[in-house]
Amino acid sequence: LLATNPARRLERRKPGRRGDRAIPRARL
């Protein structure tokens, strides 16, 4: 049905890094 790829210019995004999951030192 299609001869070309209309999605060719769109790029996937890199997922953001998850935040620091360490317990804060004061709480420890």
mmCIF file of all heavy atoms, coordinates in Angstrom:
data_MODEL
# 
_entry.id   MODEL 
# 
loop_
_atom_site.group_PDB 
_atom_site.id 
_atom_site.type_symbol 
_atom_site.label_atom_id 
_atom_site.label_alt_id 
_atom_site.label_comp_id 
_atom_site.label_asym_id 
_atom_site.label_entity_id 
_atom_site.label_seq_id 
_atom_site.pdbx_PDB_ins_code 
_atom_site.Cartn_x 
_atom_site.Cartn_y 
_atom_site.Cartn_z 
_atom_site.occupancy 
_atom_site.B_iso_or_equiv 
_atom_site.pdbx_formal_charge 
_atom_site.auth_seq_id 
_atom_site.auth_comp_id 
_atom_site.auth_asym_id 
_atom_site.auth_atom_id 
_atom_site.pdbx_PDB_model_num 
ATOM 1   N N   . LEU A 1 1  ? 0.834  -1.202 0.000  1.00 0.00 ? 1  LEU A N   1 
ATOM 2   C CA  . LEU A 1 1  ? 0.000  0.000  0.000  1.00 0.00 ? 1  LEU A CA  1 
ATOM 3   C C   . LEU A 1 1  ? 0.869  1.253  0.000  1.00 0.00 ? 1  LEU A C   1 
ATOM 4   O O   . LEU A 1 1  ? 0.419  2.317  -0.418 1.00 0.00 ? 1  LEU A O   1 
ATOM 5   C CB  . LEU A 1 1  ? -0.918 0.022  1.225  1.00 0.00 ? 1  LEU A CB  1 
ATOM 6   C CG  . LEU A 1 1  ? -1.912 -1.137 1.353  1.00 0.00 ? 1  LEU A CG  1 
ATOM 7   C CD1 . LEU A 1 1  ? -2.622 -1.074 2.687  1.00 0.00 ? 1  LEU A CD1 1 
ATOM 8   C CD2 . LEU A 1 1  ? -2.879 -1.133 0.193  1.00 0.00 ? 1  LEU A CD2 1 
ATOM 9   N N   . LEU A 1 2  ? 2.078  1.120  0.509  1.00 0.00 ? 2  LEU A N   1 
ATOM 10  C CA  . LEU A 1 2  ? 3.016  2.246  0.625  1.00 0.00 ? 2  LEU A CA  1 
ATOM 11  C C   . LEU A 1 2  ? 4.317  1.894  -0.069 1.00 0.00 ? 2  LEU A C   1 
ATOM 12  O O   . LEU A 1 2  ? 4.836  0.795  0.104  1.00 0.00 ? 2  LEU A O   1 
ATOM 13  C CB  . LEU A 1 2  ? 3.342  2.507  2.102  1.00 0.00 ? 2  LEU A CB  1 
ATOM 14  C CG  . LEU A 1 2  ? 2.528  3.513  2.870  1.00 0.00 ? 2  LEU A CG  1 
ATOM 15  C CD1 . LEU A 1 2  ? 2.950  3.517  4.328  1.00 0.00 ? 2  LEU A CD1 1 
ATOM 16  C CD2 . LEU A 1 2  ? 2.605  4.895  2.298  1.00 0.00 ? 2  LEU A CD2 1 
ATOM 17  N N   . ALA A 1 3  ? 4.845  2.861  -0.803 1.00 0.00 ? 3  ALA A N   1 
ATOM 18  C CA  . ALA A 1 3  ? 6.145  2.648  -1.446 1.00 0.00 ? 3  ALA A CA  1 
ATOM 19  C C   . ALA A 1 3  ? 7.270  3.260  -0.619 1.00 0.00 ? 3  ALA A C   1 
ATOM 20  O O   . ALA A 1 3  ? 8.419  2.825  -0.697 1.00 0.00 ? 3  ALA A O   1 
ATOM 21  C CB  . ALA A 1 3  ? 6.145  3.256  -2.843 1.00 0.00 ? 3  ALA A CB  1 
ATOM 22  N N   . THR A 1 4  ? 6.959  4.271  0.167  1.00 0.00 ? 4  THR A N   1 
ATOM 23  C CA  . THR A 1 4  ? 7.977  4.943  0.985  1.00 0.00 ? 4  THR A CA  1 
ATOM 24  C C   . THR A 1 4  ? 7.626  4.819  2.455  1.00 0.00 ? 4  THR A C   1 
ATOM 25  O O   . THR A 1 4  ? 6.524  4.383  2.804  1.00 0.00 ? 4  THR A O   1 
ATOM 26  C CB  . THR A 1 4  ? 8.081  6.438  0.619  1.00 0.00 ? 4  THR A CB  1 
ATOM 27  O OG1 . THR A 1 4  ? 6.830  7.064  0.924  1.00 0.00 ? 4  THR A OG1 1 
ATOM 28  C CG2 . THR A 1 4  ? 8.442  6.634  -0.838 1.00 0.00 ? 4  THR A CG2 1 
ATOM 29  N N   . ASN A 1 5  ? 8.529  5.246  3.299  1.00 0.00 ? 5  ASN A N   1 
ATOM 30  C CA  . ASN A 1 5  ? 8.321  5.183  4.737  1.00 0.00 ? 5  ASN A CA  1 
ATOM 31  C C   . ASN A 1 5  ? 8.108  6.594  5.281  1.00 0.00 ? 5  ASN A C   1 
ATOM 32  O O   . ASN A 1 5  ? 9.078  7.316  5.503  1.00 0.00 ? 5  ASN A O   1 
ATOM 33  C CB  . ASN A 1 5  ? 9.527  4.527  5.410  1.00 0.00 ? 5  ASN A CB  1 
ATOM 34  C CG  . ASN A 1 5  ? 9.358  4.411  6.908  1.00 0.00 ? 5  ASN A CG  1 
ATOM 35  O OD1 . ASN A 1 5  ? 8.366  4.858  7.474  1.00 0.00 ? 5  ASN A OD1 1 
ATOM 36  N ND2 . ASN A 1 5  ? 10.335 3.806  7.549  1.00 0.00 ? 5  ASN A ND2 1 
ATOM 37  N N   . PRO A 1 6  ? 6.860  6.985  5.564  1.00 0.00 ? 6  PRO A N   1 
ATOM 38  C CA  . PRO A 1 6  ? 6.605  8.322  6.080  1.00 0.00 ? 6  PRO A CA  1 
ATOM 39  C C   . PRO A 1 6  ? 7.151  8.548  7.494  1.00 0.00 ? 6  PRO A C   1 
ATOM 40  O O   . PRO A 1 6  ? 7.282  9.682  7.933  1.00 0.00 ? 6  PRO A O   1 
ATOM 41  C CB  . PRO A 1 6  ? 5.080  8.431  6.082  1.00 0.00 ? 6  PRO A CB  1 
ATOM 42  C CG  . PRO A 1 6  ? 4.591  7.318  5.246  1.00 0.00 ? 6  PRO A CG  1 
ATOM 43  C CD  . PRO A 1 6  ? 5.641  6.266  5.270  1.00 0.00 ? 6  PRO A CD  1 
ATOM 44  N N   . ALA A 1 7  ? 7.502  7.496  8.191  1.00 0.00 ? 7  ALA A N   1 
ATOM 45  C CA  . ALA A 1 7  ? 8.025  7.622  9.551  1.00 0.00 ? 7  ALA A CA  1 
ATOM 46  C C   . ALA A 1 7  ? 9.538  7.775  9.575  1.00 0.00 ? 7  ALA A C   1 
ATOM 47  O O   . ALA A 1 7  ? 10.141 7.874  10.645 1.00 0.00 ? 7  ALA A O   1 
ATOM 48  C CB  . ALA A 1 7  ? 7.612  6.421  10.381 1.00 0.00 ? 7  ALA A CB  1 
ATOM 49  N N   . ARG A 1 8  ? 10.161 7.839  8.418  1.00 0.00 ? 8  ARG A N   1 
ATOM 50  C CA  . ARG A 1 8  ? 11.628 7.808  8.349  1.00 0.00 ? 8  ARG A CA  1 
ATOM 51  C C   . ARG A 1 8  ? 12.305 8.990  9.031  1.00 0.00 ? 8  ARG A C   1 
ATOM 52  O O   . ARG A 1 8  ? 13.448 8.890  9.440  1.00 0.00 ? 8  ARG A O   1 
ATOM 53  C CB  . ARG A 1 8  ? 12.082 7.688  6.901  1.00 0.00 ? 8  ARG A CB  1 
ATOM 54  C CG  . ARG A 1 8  ? 11.798 8.899  6.041  1.00 0.00 ? 8  ARG A CG  1 
ATOM 55  C CD  . ARG A 1 8  ? 12.191 8.672  4.573  1.00 0.00 ? 8  ARG A CD  1 
ATOM 56  N NE  . ARG A 1 8  ? 11.813 9.770  3.725  1.00 0.00 ? 8  ARG A NE  1 
ATOM 57  C CZ  . ARG A 1 8  ? 10.662 9.879  3.083  1.00 0.00 ? 8  ARG A CZ  1 
ATOM 58  N NH1 . ARG A 1 8  ? 9.767  8.911  3.201  1.00 0.00 ? 8  ARG A NH1 1 
ATOM 59  N NH2 . ARG A 1 8  ? 10.397 10.914 2.332  1.00 0.00 ? 8  ARG A NH2 1 
ATOM 60  N N   . ARG A 1 9  ? 11.637 10.115 9.160  1.00 0.00 ? 9  ARG A N   1 
ATOM 61  C CA  . ARG A 1 9  ? 12.257 11.302 9.782  1.00 0.00 ? 9  ARG A CA  1 
ATOM 62  C C   . ARG A 1 9  ? 12.036 11.368 11.289 1.00 0.00 ? 9  ARG A C   1 
ATOM 63  O O   . ARG A 1 9  ? 12.641 12.201 11.955 1.00 0.00 ? 9  ARG A O   1 
ATOM 64  C CB  . ARG A 1 9  ? 11.703 12.571 9.141  1.00 0.00 ? 9  ARG A CB  1 
ATOM 65  C CG  . ARG A 1 9  ? 12.066 12.723 7.699  1.00 0.00 ? 9  ARG A CG  1 
ATOM 66  C CD  . ARG A 1 9  ? 11.556 14.032 7.154  1.00 0.00 ? 9  ARG A CD  1 
ATOM 67  N NE  . ARG A 1 9  ? 11.687 14.071 5.706  1.00 0.00 ? 9  ARG A NE  1 
ATOM 68  C CZ  . ARG A 1 9  ? 11.021 14.912 4.947  1.00 0.00 ? 9  ARG A CZ  1 
ATOM 69  N NH1 . ARG A 1 9  ? 10.193 15.779 5.485  1.00 0.00 ? 9  ARG A NH1 1 
ATOM 70  N NH2 . ARG A 1 9  ? 11.189 14.890 3.641  1.00 0.00 ? 9  ARG A NH2 1 
ATOM 71  N N   . LEU A 1 10 ? 11.166 10.541 11.794 1.00 0.00 ? 10 LEU A N   1 
ATOM 72  C CA  . LEU A 1 10 ? 10.863 10.570 13.230 1.00 0.00 ? 10 LEU A CA  1 
ATOM 73  C C   . LEU A 1 10 ? 11.810 9.636  13.966 1.00 0.00 ? 10 LEU A C   1 
ATOM 74  O O   . LEU A 1 10 ? 12.083 8.529  13.516 1.00 0.00 ? 10 LEU A O   1 
ATOM 75  C CB  . LEU A 1 10 ? 9.413  10.143 13.463 1.00 0.00 ? 10 LEU A CB  1 
ATOM 76  C CG  . LEU A 1 10 ? 8.362  11.058 12.825 1.00 0.00 ? 10 LEU A CG  1 
ATOM 77  C CD1 . LEU A 1 10 ? 6.992  10.408 12.916 1.00 0.00 ? 10 LEU A CD1 1 
ATOM 78  C CD2 . LEU A 1 10 ? 8.368  12.412 13.484 1.00 0.00 ? 10 LEU A CD2 1 
ATOM 79  N N   . GLU A 1 11 ? 12.286 10.092 15.108 1.00 0.00 ? 11 GLU A N   1 
ATOM 80  C CA  . GLU A 1 11 ? 13.238 9.288  15.883 1.00 0.00 ? 11 GLU A CA  1 
ATOM 81  C C   . GLU A 1 11 ? 12.684 8.969  17.255 1.00 0.00 ? 11 GLU A C   1 
ATOM 82  O O   . GLU A 1 11 ? 11.970 9.773  17.853 1.00 0.00 ? 11 GLU A O   1 
ATOM 83  C CB  . GLU A 1 11 ? 14.557 10.052 16.039 1.00 0.00 ? 11 GLU A CB  1 
ATOM 84  C CG  . GLU A 1 11 ? 15.295 10.244 14.738 1.00 0.00 ? 11 GLU A CG  1 
ATOM 85  C CD  . GLU A 1 11 ? 16.623 10.974 14.935 1.00 0.00 ? 11 GLU A CD  1 
ATOM 86  O OE1 . GLU A 1 11 ? 16.962 11.310 16.099 1.00 0.00 ? 11 GLU A OE1 1 
ATOM 87  O OE2 . GLU A 1 11 ? 17.309 11.191 13.934 1.00 0.00 ? 11 GLU A OE2 1 
ATOM 88  N N   . ARG A 1 12 ? 13.065 7.802  17.718 1.00 0.00 ? 12 ARG A N   1 
ATOM 89  C CA  . ARG A 1 12 ? 12.708 7.417  19.085 1.00 0.00 ? 12 ARG A CA  1 
ATOM 90  C C   . ARG A 1 12 ? 13.456 8.311  20.064 1.00 0.00 ? 12 ARG A C   1 
ATOM 91  O O   . ARG A 1 12 ? 14.543 8.780  19.777 1.00 0.00 ? 12 ARG A O   1 
ATOM 92  C CB  . ARG A 1 12 ? 13.064 5.956  19.341 1.00 0.00 ? 12 ARG A CB  1 
ATOM 93  C CG  . ARG A 1 12 ? 12.238 4.991  18.509 1.00 0.00 ? 12 ARG A CG  1 
ATOM 94  C CD  . ARG A 1 12 ? 12.605 3.549  18.792 1.00 0.00 ? 12 ARG A CD  1 
ATOM 95  N NE  . ARG A 1 12 ? 12.385 3.166  20.174 1.00 0.00 ? 12 ARG A NE  1 
ATOM 96  C CZ  . ARG A 1 12 ? 11.215 2.798  20.685 1.00 0.00 ? 12 ARG A CZ  1 
ATOM 97  N NH1 . ARG A 1 12 ? 10.156 2.778  19.926 1.00 0.00 ? 12 ARG A NH1 1 
ATOM 98  N NH2 . ARG A 1 12 ? 11.115 2.449  21.943 1.00 0.00 ? 12 ARG A NH2 1 
ATOM 99  N N   . ARG A 1 13 ? 12.861 8.514  21.208 1.00 0.00 ? 13 ARG A N   1 
ATOM 100 C CA  . ARG A 1 13 ? 13.505 9.313  22.253 1.00 0.00 ? 13 ARG A CA  1 
ATOM 101 C C   . ARG A 1 13 ? 14.138 8.377  23.273 1.00 0.00 ? 13 ARG A C   1 
ATOM 102 O O   . ARG A 1 13 ? 13.624 7.301  23.556 1.00 0.00 ? 13 ARG A O   1 
ATOM 103 C CB  . ARG A 1 13 ? 12.482 10.207 22.944 1.00 0.00 ? 13 ARG A CB  1 
ATOM 104 C CG  . ARG A 1 13 ? 11.943 11.282 22.054 1.00 0.00 ? 13 ARG A CG  1 
ATOM 105 C CD  . ARG A 1 13 ? 10.973 12.150 22.827 1.00 0.00 ? 13 ARG A CD  1 
ATOM 106 N NE  . ARG A 1 13 ? 10.437 13.202 21.986 1.00 0.00 ? 13 ARG A NE  1 
ATOM 107 C CZ  . ARG A 1 13 ? 9.435  13.980 22.344 1.00 0.00 ? 13 ARG A CZ  1 
ATOM 108 N NH1 . ARG A 1 13 ? 8.858  13.824 23.528 1.00 0.00 ? 13 ARG A NH1 1 
ATOM 109 N NH2 . ARG A 1 13 ? 9.003  14.912 21.529 1.00 0.00 ? 13 ARG A NH2 1 
ATOM 110 N N   . LYS A 1 14 ? 15.227 8.852  23.845 1.00 0.00 ? 14 LYS A N   1 
ATOM 111 C CA  . LYS A 1 14 ? 15.864 8.083  24.912 1.00 0.00 ? 14 LYS A CA  1 
ATOM 112 C C   . LYS A 1 14 ? 15.081 8.310  26.194 1.00 0.00 ? 14 LYS A C   1 
ATOM 113 O O   . LYS A 1 14 ? 14.794 9.450  26.551 1.00 0.00 ? 14 LYS A O   1 
ATOM 114 C CB  . LYS A 1 14 ? 17.311 8.531  25.118 1.00 0.00 ? 14 LYS A CB  1 
ATOM 115 C CG  . LYS A 1 14 ? 18.220 8.140  23.991 1.00 0.00 ? 14 LYS A CG  1 
ATOM 116 C CD  . LYS A 1 14 ? 19.643 8.512  24.302 1.00 0.00 ? 14 LYS A CD  1 
ATOM 117 C CE  . LYS A 1 14 ? 20.562 8.102  23.164 1.00 0.00 ? 14 LYS A CE  1 
ATOM 118 N NZ  . LYS A 1 14 ? 21.938 8.459  23.430 1.00 0.00 ? 14 LYS A NZ  1 
ATOM 119 N N   . PRO A 1 15 ? 14.744 7.221  26.889 1.00 0.00 ? 15 PRO A N   1 
ATOM 120 C CA  . PRO A 1 15 ? 14.019 7.399  28.151 1.00 0.00 ? 15 PRO A CA  1 
ATOM 121 C C   . PRO A 1 15 ? 14.909 8.092  29.175 1.00 0.00 ? 15 PRO A C   1 
ATOM 122 O O   . PRO A 1 15 ? 16.118 7.864  29.225 1.00 0.00 ? 15 PRO A O   1 
ATOM 123 C CB  . PRO A 1 15 ? 13.669 5.980  28.586 1.00 0.00 ? 15 PRO A CB  1 
ATOM 124 C CG  . PRO A 1 15 ? 14.443 5.070  27.719 1.00 0.00 ? 15 PRO A CG  1 
ATOM 125 C CD  . PRO A 1 15 ? 14.956 5.839  26.548 1.00 0.00 ? 15 PRO A CD  1 
ATOM 126 N N   . GLY A 1 16 ? 14.307 8.935  29.974 1.00 0.00 ? 16 GLY A N   1 
ATOM 127 C CA  . GLY A 1 16 ? 15.056 9.642  31.014 1.00 0.00 ? 16 GLY A CA  1 
ATOM 128 C C   . GLY A 1 16 ? 15.542 8.680  32.081 1.00 0.00 ? 16 GLY A C   1 
ATOM 129 O O   . GLY A 1 16 ? 14.959 7.617  32.302 1.00 0.00 ? 16 GLY A O   1 
ATOM 130 N N   . ARG A 1 17 ? 16.617 9.065  32.707 1.00 0.00 ? 17 ARG A N   1 
ATOM 131 C CA  . ARG A 1 17 ? 17.140 8.230  33.785 1.00 0.00 ? 17 ARG A CA  1 
ATOM 132 C C   . ARG A 1 17 ? 16.226 8.328  34.984 1.00 0.00 ? 17 ARG A C   1 
ATOM 133 O O   . ARG A 1 17 ? 15.682 9.373  35.285 1.00 0.00 ? 17 ARG A O   1 
ATOM 134 C CB  . ARG A 1 17 ? 18.538 8.695  34.168 1.00 0.00 ? 17 ARG A CB  1 
ATOM 135 C CG  . ARG A 1 17 ? 19.546 8.433  33.072 1.00 0.00 ? 17 ARG A CG  1 
ATOM 136 C CD  . ARG A 1 17 ? 20.924 8.837  33.496 1.00 0.00 ? 17 ARG A CD  1 
ATOM 137 N NE  . ARG A 1 17 ? 21.293 8.102  34.706 1.00 0.00 ? 17 ARG A NE  1 
ATOM 138 C CZ  . ARG A 1 17 ? 22.318 8.410  35.470 1.00 0.00 ? 17 ARG A CZ  1 
ATOM 139 N NH1 . ARG A 1 17 ? 23.082 9.428  35.166 1.00 0.00 ? 17 ARG A NH1 1 
ATOM 140 N NH2 . ARG A 1 17 ? 22.595 7.713  36.541 1.00 0.00 ? 17 ARG A NH2 1 
ATOM 141 N N   . ARG A 1 18 ? 16.078 7.219  35.635 1.00 0.00 ? 18 ARG A N   1 
ATOM 142 C CA  . ARG A 1 18 ? 15.281 7.223  36.855 1.00 0.00 ? 18 ARG A CA  1 
ATOM 143 C C   . ARG A 1 18 ? 16.058 7.972  37.922 1.00 0.00 ? 18 ARG A C   1 
ATOM 144 O O   . ARG A 1 18 ? 17.275 7.922  37.973 1.00 0.00 ? 18 ARG A O   1 
ATOM 145 C CB  . ARG A 1 18 ? 15.012 5.805  37.306 1.00 0.00 ? 18 ARG A CB  1 
ATOM 146 C CG  . ARG A 1 18 ? 14.158 5.052  36.288 1.00 0.00 ? 18 ARG A CG  1 
ATOM 147 C CD  . ARG A 1 18 ? 13.853 3.696  36.755 1.00 0.00 ? 18 ARG A CD  1 
ATOM 148 N NE  . ARG A 1 18 ? 12.667 3.795  37.592 1.00 0.00 ? 18 ARG A NE  1 
ATOM 149 C CZ  . ARG A 1 18 ? 12.158 2.771  38.253 1.00 0.00 ? 18 ARG A CZ  1 
ATOM 150 N NH1 . ARG A 1 18 ? 12.728 1.608  38.186 1.00 0.00 ? 18 ARG A NH1 1 
ATOM 151 N NH2 . ARG A 1 18 ? 11.090 2.914  38.983 1.00 0.00 ? 18 ARG A NH2 1 
ATOM 152 N N   . GLY A 1 19 ? 15.351 8.659  38.760 1.00 0.00 ? 19 GLY A N   1 
ATOM 153 C CA  . GLY A 1 19 ? 15.977 9.441  39.810 1.00 0.00 ? 19 GLY A CA  1 
ATOM 154 C C   . GLY A 1 19 ? 16.775 8.579  40.765 1.00 0.00 ? 19 GLY A C   1 
ATOM 155 O O   . GLY A 1 19 ? 16.657 7.352  40.782 1.00 0.00 ? 19 GLY A O   1 
ATOM 156 N N   . ASP A 1 20 ? 17.596 9.219  41.550 1.00 0.00 ? 20 ASP A N   1 
ATOM 157 C CA  . ASP A 1 20 ? 18.390 8.513  42.543 1.00 0.00 ? 20 ASP A CA  1 
ATOM 158 C C   . ASP A 1 20 ? 17.439 7.888  43.553 1.00 0.00 ? 20 ASP A C   1 
ATOM 159 O O   . ASP A 1 20 ? 16.636 8.578  44.179 1.00 0.00 ? 20 ASP A O   1 
ATOM 160 C CB  . ASP A 1 20 ? 19.335 9.501  43.236 1.00 0.00 ? 20 ASP A CB  1 
ATOM 161 C CG  . ASP A 1 20 ? 20.289 8.812  44.182 1.00 0.00 ? 20 ASP A CG  1 
ATOM 162 O OD1 . ASP A 1 20 ? 20.361 7.575  44.156 1.00 0.00 ? 20 ASP A OD1 1 
ATOM 163 O OD2 . ASP A 1 20 ? 20.965 9.526  44.933 1.00 0.00 ? 20 ASP A OD2 1 
ATOM 164 N N   . ARG A 1 21 ? 17.517 6.590  43.693 1.00 0.00 ? 21 ARG A N   1 
ATOM 165 C CA  . ARG A 1 21 ? 16.616 5.893  44.600 1.00 0.00 ? 21 ARG A CA  1 
ATOM 166 C C   . ARG A 1 21 ? 17.267 5.622  45.949 1.00 0.00 ? 21 ARG A C   1 
ATOM 167 O O   . ARG A 1 21 ? 16.728 4.884  46.759 1.00 0.00 ? 21 ARG A O   1 
ATOM 168 C CB  . ARG A 1 21 ? 16.145 4.604  43.951 1.00 0.00 ? 21 ARG A CB  1 
ATOM 169 C CG  . ARG A 1 21 ? 15.343 4.919  42.703 1.00 0.00 ? 21 ARG A CG  1 
ATOM 170 C CD  . ARG A 1 21 ? 14.814 3.755  41.951 1.00 0.00 ? 21 ARG A CD  1 
ATOM 171 N NE  . ARG A 1 21 ? 15.046 2.432  42.484 1.00 0.00 ? 21 ARG A NE  1 
ATOM 172 C CZ  . ARG A 1 21 ? 14.719 1.332  41.868 1.00 0.00 ? 21 ARG A CZ  1 
ATOM 173 N NH1 . ARG A 1 21 ? 14.162 1.393  40.706 1.00 0.00 ? 21 ARG A NH1 1 
ATOM 174 N NH2 . ARG A 1 21 ? 14.959 0.157  42.399 1.00 0.00 ? 21 ARG A NH2 1 
ATOM 175 N N   . ALA A 1 22 ? 18.401 6.222  46.203 1.00 0.00 ? 22 ALA A N   1 
ATOM 176 C CA  . ALA A 1 22 ? 19.085 6.028  47.484 1.00 0.00 ? 22 ALA A CA  1 
ATOM 177 C C   . ALA A 1 22 ? 18.327 6.770  48.580 1.00 0.00 ? 22 ALA A C   1 
ATOM 178 O O   . ALA A 1 22 ? 17.732 7.818  48.359 1.00 0.00 ? 22 ALA A O   1 
ATOM 179 C CB  . ALA A 1 22 ? 20.509 6.548  47.397 1.00 0.00 ? 22 ALA A CB  1 
ATOM 180 N N   . ILE A 1 23 ? 18.366 6.199  49.773 1.00 0.00 ? 23 ILE A N   1 
ATOM 181 C CA  . ILE A 1 23 ? 17.746 6.844  50.922 1.00 0.00 ? 23 ILE A CA  1 
ATOM 182 C C   . ILE A 1 23 ? 18.667 7.976  51.362 1.00 0.00 ? 23 ILE A C   1 
ATOM 183 O O   . ILE A 1 23 ? 19.878 7.773  51.504 1.00 0.00 ? 23 ILE A O   1 
ATOM 184 C CB  . ILE A 1 23 ? 17.537 5.826  52.065 1.00 0.00 ? 23 ILE A CB  1 
ATOM 185 C CG1 . ILE A 1 23 ? 16.639 4.683  51.575 1.00 0.00 ? 23 ILE A CG1 1 
ATOM 186 C CG2 . ILE A 1 23 ? 16.941 6.502  53.290 1.00 0.00 ? 23 ILE A CG2 1 
ATOM 187 C CD1 . ILE A 1 23 ? 16.555 3.514  52.529 1.00 0.00 ? 23 ILE A CD1 1 
ATOM 188 N N   . PRO A 1 24 ? 18.120 9.177  51.586 1.00 0.00 ? 24 PRO A N   1 
ATOM 189 C CA  . PRO A 1 24 ? 18.978 10.294 52.005 1.00 0.00 ? 24 PRO A CA  1 
ATOM 190 C C   . PRO A 1 24 ? 19.743 9.970  53.293 1.00 0.00 ? 24 PRO A C   1 
ATOM 191 O O   . PRO A 1 24 ? 19.227 9.286  54.193 1.00 0.00 ? 24 PRO A O   1 
ATOM 192 C CB  . PRO A 1 24 ? 17.994 11.440 52.243 1.00 0.00 ? 24 PRO A CB  1 
ATOM 193 C CG  . PRO A 1 24 ? 16.765 11.066 51.492 1.00 0.00 ? 24 PRO A CG  1 
ATOM 194 C CD  . PRO A 1 24 ? 16.733 9.572  51.449 1.00 0.00 ? 24 PRO A CD  1 
ATOM 195 N N   . ARG A 1 25 ? 20.976 10.452 53.368 1.00 0.00 ? 25 ARG A N   1 
ATOM 196 C CA  . ARG A 1 25 ? 21.865 10.151 54.502 1.00 0.00 ? 25 ARG A CA  1 
ATOM 197 C C   . ARG A 1 25 ? 21.239 10.558 55.837 1.00 0.00 ? 25 ARG A C   1 
ATOM 198 O O   . ARG A 1 25 ? 21.349 9.834  56.830 1.00 0.00 ? 25 ARG A O   1 
ATOM 199 C CB  . ARG A 1 25 ? 23.210 10.862 54.283 1.00 0.00 ? 25 ARG A CB  1 
ATOM 200 C CG  . ARG A 1 25 ? 24.247 10.503 55.298 1.00 0.00 ? 25 ARG A CG  1 
ATOM 201 C CD  . ARG A 1 25 ? 24.732 9.099  55.046 1.00 0.00 ? 25 ARG A CD  1 
ATOM 202 N NE  . ARG A 1 25 ? 25.727 8.737  56.041 1.00 0.00 ? 25 ARG A NE  1 
ATOM 203 C CZ  . ARG A 1 25 ? 26.028 7.502  56.351 1.00 0.00 ? 25 ARG A CZ  1 
ATOM 204 N NH1 . ARG A 1 25 ? 25.440 6.510  55.737 1.00 0.00 ? 25 ARG A NH1 1 
ATOM 205 N NH2 . ARG A 1 25 ? 26.921 7.240  57.248 1.00 0.00 ? 25 ARG A NH2 1 
ATOM 206 N N   . ALA A 1 26 ? 20.569 11.710 55.892 1.00 0.00 ? 26 ALA A N   1 
ATOM 207 C CA  . ALA A 1 26 ? 19.951 12.170 57.139 1.00 0.00 ? 26 ALA A CA  1 
ATOM 208 C C   . ALA A 1 26 ? 18.876 11.183 57.605 1.00 0.00 ? 26 ALA A C   1 
ATOM 209 O O   . ALA A 1 26 ? 18.758 10.893 58.804 1.00 0.00 ? 26 ALA A O   1 
ATOM 210 C CB  . ALA A 1 26 ? 19.347 13.553 56.947 1.00 0.00 ? 26 ALA A CB  1 
ATOM 211 N N   . ARG A 1 27 ? 18.107 10.651 56.684 1.00 0.00 ? 27 ARG A N   1 
ATOM 212 C CA  . ARG A 1 27 ? 17.062 9.676  57.033 1.00 0.00 ? 27 ARG A CA  1 
ATOM 213 C C   . ARG A 1 27 ? 17.692 8.384  57.545 1.00 0.00 ? 27 ARG A C   1 
ATOM 214 O O   . ARG A 1 27 ? 17.207 7.782  58.496 1.00 0.00 ? 27 ARG A O   1 
ATOM 215 C CB  . ARG A 1 27 ? 16.196 9.403  55.803 1.00 0.00 ? 27 ARG A CB  1 
ATOM 216 C CG  . ARG A 1 27 ? 15.187 8.305  55.970 1.00 0.00 ? 27 ARG A CG  1 
ATOM 217 C CD  . ARG A 1 27 ? 14.047 8.715  56.900 1.00 0.00 ? 27 ARG A CD  1 
ATOM 218 N NE  . ARG A 1 27 ? 13.120 7.615  57.056 1.00 0.00 ? 27 ARG A NE  1 
ATOM 219 C CZ  . ARG A 1 27 ? 12.862 7.012  58.205 1.00 0.00 ? 27 ARG A CZ  1 
ATOM 220 N NH1 . ARG A 1 27 ? 13.418 7.435  59.318 1.00 0.00 ? 27 ARG A NH1 1 
ATOM 221 N NH2 . ARG A 1 27 ? 12.026 6.020  58.255 1.00 0.00 ? 27 ARG A NH2 1 
ATOM 222 N N   . LEU A 1 28 ? 18.802 7.965  56.933 1.00 0.00 ? 28 LEU A N   1 
ATOM 223 C CA  . LEU A 1 28 ? 19.493 6.766  57.405 1.00 0.00 ? 28 LEU A CA  1 
ATOM 224 C C   . LEU A 1 28 ? 20.016 6.957  58.824 1.00 0.00 ? 28 LEU A C   1 
ATOM 225 O O   . LEU A 1 28 ? 19.877 6.067  59.667 1.00 0.00 ? 28 LEU A O   1 
ATOM 226 C CB  . LEU A 1 28 ? 20.653 6.413  56.469 1.00 0.00 ? 28 LEU A CB  1 
ATOM 227 C CG  . LEU A 1 28 ? 20.273 5.818  55.121 1.00 0.00 ? 28 LEU A CG  1 
ATOM 228 C CD1 . LEU A 1 28 ? 21.514 5.663  54.254 1.00 0.00 ? 28 LEU A CD1 1 
ATOM 229 C CD2 . LEU A 1 28 ? 19.579 4.480  55.300 1.00 0.00 ? 28 LEU A CD2 1 
# 
